């Protein structure tokens, strides 16, 4: 007797490989038909049918850019140390969370992730004219390359 209750509404079928138009076999739990999806979220990582991190990276980049913009809009005081601290506390953990599991290895993925930090540091007061490498040195930051 299975004593753990299952939330059937949250269950789905994720086909790995080419996404079929319709599932050849329907799957049911307790009389409820499970839906076929192209991606699902598991332990904080979005897994797609092709096992590529593109969907997950797109989602975390959207959230990271939104948080970075919110930080820059929220503070009237343009103190670079305060803004940098807010970035490292609220934005960087989004980009680094579960990075071992979703492992961005493609150059385009790494560049997109790096763009969040590049864009944020450029918008800090007094740093717009500096190159990215100079901004990192002035702020004592390291590049967030994962490769």
Protein backbone atom coordinates (compact mmCIF):
# COMPACT_ATOMS: atom_id res chain seq x y z
CA UNK A 1 0.00 0.00 0.00
CA UNK A 2 1.50 3.31 -1.11
CA UNK A 3 1.00 5.76 1.74
CA UNK A 4 2.52 8.87 0.16
CA UNK A 5 -0.06 11.03 -1.59
CA UNK A 6 0.76 12.15 -5.11
CA UNK A 7 -0.33 15.51 -6.49
CA UNK A 8 -1.75 14.29 -9.79
CA UNK A 9 -2.30 17.85 -11.04
CA UNK A 10 1.48 18.43 -10.97
CA UNK A 11 2.38 15.20 -12.75
CA UNK A 12 3.17 15.11 -16.45
CA UNK A 13 4.97 13.07 -19.10
CA UNK A 14 8.21 14.42 -20.54
CA UNK A 15 9.34 12.61 -23.66
CA UNK A 16 13.10 12.71 -24.18
CA UNK A 17 14.27 13.07 -27.78
CA UNK A 18 12.15 14.34 -30.63
CA UNK A 19 8.87 15.62 -29.31
CA UNK A 20 6.07 13.50 -30.79
CA UNK A 21 2.89 15.23 -31.93
CA UNK A 22 0.88 12.94 -29.67
CA UNK A 23 1.91 10.28 -27.24
CA UNK A 24 1.51 6.77 -28.61
CA UNK A 25 0.26 5.63 -25.22
CA UNK A 26 -1.67 7.66 -22.70
CA UNK A 27 -0.45 7.55 -19.11
CA UNK A 28 -2.80 7.68 -16.15
CA UNK A 29 -2.49 8.06 -12.40
CA UNK A 30 -5.54 7.22 -10.37
CA UNK A 31 -7.77 7.67 -13.42
CA UNK A 32 -6.34 11.07 -14.37
CA UNK A 33 -4.68 11.36 -17.78
CA UNK A 34 -1.21 12.90 -17.61
CA UNK A 35 -0.39 15.67 -20.05
CA UNK A 36 2.54 15.46 -22.46
CA UNK A 37 4.92 18.44 -22.06
CA UNK A 38 8.03 19.67 -23.88
CA UNK A 39 9.73 20.81 -20.64
CA UNK A 40 9.21 20.59 -16.91
CA UNK A 41 10.81 21.94 -13.76
CA UNK A 42 12.57 19.48 -11.47
CA UNK A 43 14.58 20.45 -8.37
CA UNK A 44 14.81 24.05 -9.60
CA UNK A 45 16.12 23.16 -13.05
CA UNK A 46 13.97 23.32 -16.17
CA UNK A 47 14.49 20.12 -18.16
CA UNK A 48 13.48 20.16 -21.82
CA UNK A 49 12.75 17.28 -24.16
CA UNK A 50 16.13 17.73 -25.87
CA UNK A 51 18.08 17.88 -22.56
CA UNK A 52 19.65 21.21 -23.57
CA UNK A 53 19.87 24.04 -21.01
CA UNK A 54 18.44 26.67 -23.39
CA UNK A 55 14.99 26.87 -21.79
CA UNK A 56 16.43 27.00 -18.28
CA UNK A 57 19.01 29.64 -19.20
CA UNK A 58 16.36 31.78 -20.89
CA UNK A 59 14.21 31.66 -17.76
CA UNK A 60 17.00 32.54 -15.32
CA UNK A 61 18.32 35.30 -17.59
CA UNK A 62 14.90 36.91 -17.72
CA UNK A 63 14.61 36.80 -13.95
CA UNK A 64 18.20 38.02 -13.42
CA UNK A 65 17.75 41.01 -15.76
CA UNK A 66 14.47 41.88 -14.04
CA UNK A 67 16.09 41.80 -10.60
CA UNK A 68 19.09 43.84 -11.77
CA UNK A 69 16.78 46.47 -13.27
CA UNK A 70 14.69 46.55 -10.10
CA UNK A 71 17.79 47.14 -7.98
CA UNK A 72 18.94 50.01 -10.16
CA UNK A 73 15.48 51.62 -10.17
CA UNK A 74 14.85 51.13 -6.44
CA UNK A 75 17.79 52.94 -4.93
CA UNK A 76 17.84 56.74 -5.01
CA UNK A 77 21.30 56.69 -3.44
CA UNK A 78 23.74 55.87 -6.25
CA UNK A 79 26.39 54.32 -4.01
CA UNK A 80 28.41 51.85 -6.09
CA UNK A 81 29.26 49.63 -3.11
CA UNK A 82 25.62 49.34 -2.08
CA UNK A 83 24.44 48.59 -5.64
CA UNK A 84 27.20 46.03 -6.12
CA UNK A 85 26.33 44.33 -2.83
CA UNK A 86 22.66 44.14 -3.85
CA UNK A 87 23.69 42.58 -7.18
CA UNK A 88 25.86 39.93 -5.52
CA UNK A 89 23.13 39.09 -3.00
CA UNK A 90 20.04 39.10 -5.24
CA UNK A 91 21.18 38.45 -8.82
CA UNK A 92 24.34 36.33 -8.84
CA UNK A 93 22.75 33.47 -6.86
CA UNK A 94 20.14 33.12 -9.62
CA UNK A 95 22.88 32.64 -12.19
CA UNK A 96 24.92 30.26 -10.04
CA UNK A 97 22.13 28.15 -8.52
CA UNK A 98 22.32 24.53 -9.72
CA UNK A 99 24.88 25.50 -12.38
CA UNK A 100 26.44 22.05 -12.01
CA UNK A 101 23.12 20.45 -12.98
CA UNK A 102 22.31 22.59 -16.00
CA UNK A 103 25.97 23.15 -16.96
CA UNK A 104 26.09 25.89 -19.61
CA UNK A 105 28.79 24.72 -21.99
CA UNK A 106 27.91 26.40 -25.27
CA UNK A 107 29.67 29.68 -25.95
CA UNK A 108 26.37 31.45 -26.67
CA UNK A 109 24.95 30.35 -23.29
CA UNK A 110 28.03 31.49 -21.37
CA UNK A 111 28.00 34.86 -23.15
CA UNK A 112 24.31 35.38 -22.37
CA UNK A 113 24.90 34.67 -18.69
CA UNK A 114 27.95 36.94 -18.64
CA UNK A 115 25.89 39.71 -20.30
CA UNK A 116 23.85 40.16 -17.10
CA UNK A 117 26.94 41.18 -15.10
CA UNK A 118 28.40 43.13 -18.04
CA UNK A 119 25.23 45.19 -18.44
CA UNK A 120 24.78 45.79 -14.72
CA UNK A 121 28.34 46.98 -14.12
CA UNK A 122 28.11 49.33 -17.10
CA UNK A 123 25.07 50.99 -15.54
CA UNK A 124 26.81 51.67 -12.22
CA UNK A 125 27.66 55.34 -11.59
CA UNK A 126 30.97 56.46 -13.07
CA UNK A 127 31.80 53.17 -14.81
CA UNK A 128 30.05 53.53 -18.17
CA UNK A 129 33.15 54.59 -20.10
CA UNK A 130 35.40 51.80 -18.81
CA UNK A 131 35.89 48.48 -20.56
CA UNK A 132 34.31 45.40 -18.98
CA UNK A 133 37.68 44.11 -17.76
CA UNK A 134 38.47 47.50 -16.18
CA UNK A 135 35.08 47.56 -14.47
CA UNK A 136 35.69 44.09 -13.04
CA UNK A 137 39.08 45.17 -11.69
CA UNK A 138 37.70 48.36 -10.14
CA UNK A 139 34.85 46.45 -8.49
CA UNK A 140 36.98 43.45 -7.44
CA UNK A 141 34.72 41.09 -9.36
CA UNK A 142 35.60 38.02 -11.34
CA UNK A 143 34.16 36.97 -14.63
CA UNK A 144 31.24 34.59 -14.30
CA UNK A 145 32.41 32.30 -17.12
CA UNK A 146 31.41 28.74 -16.40
CA UNK A 147 33.46 26.96 -19.05
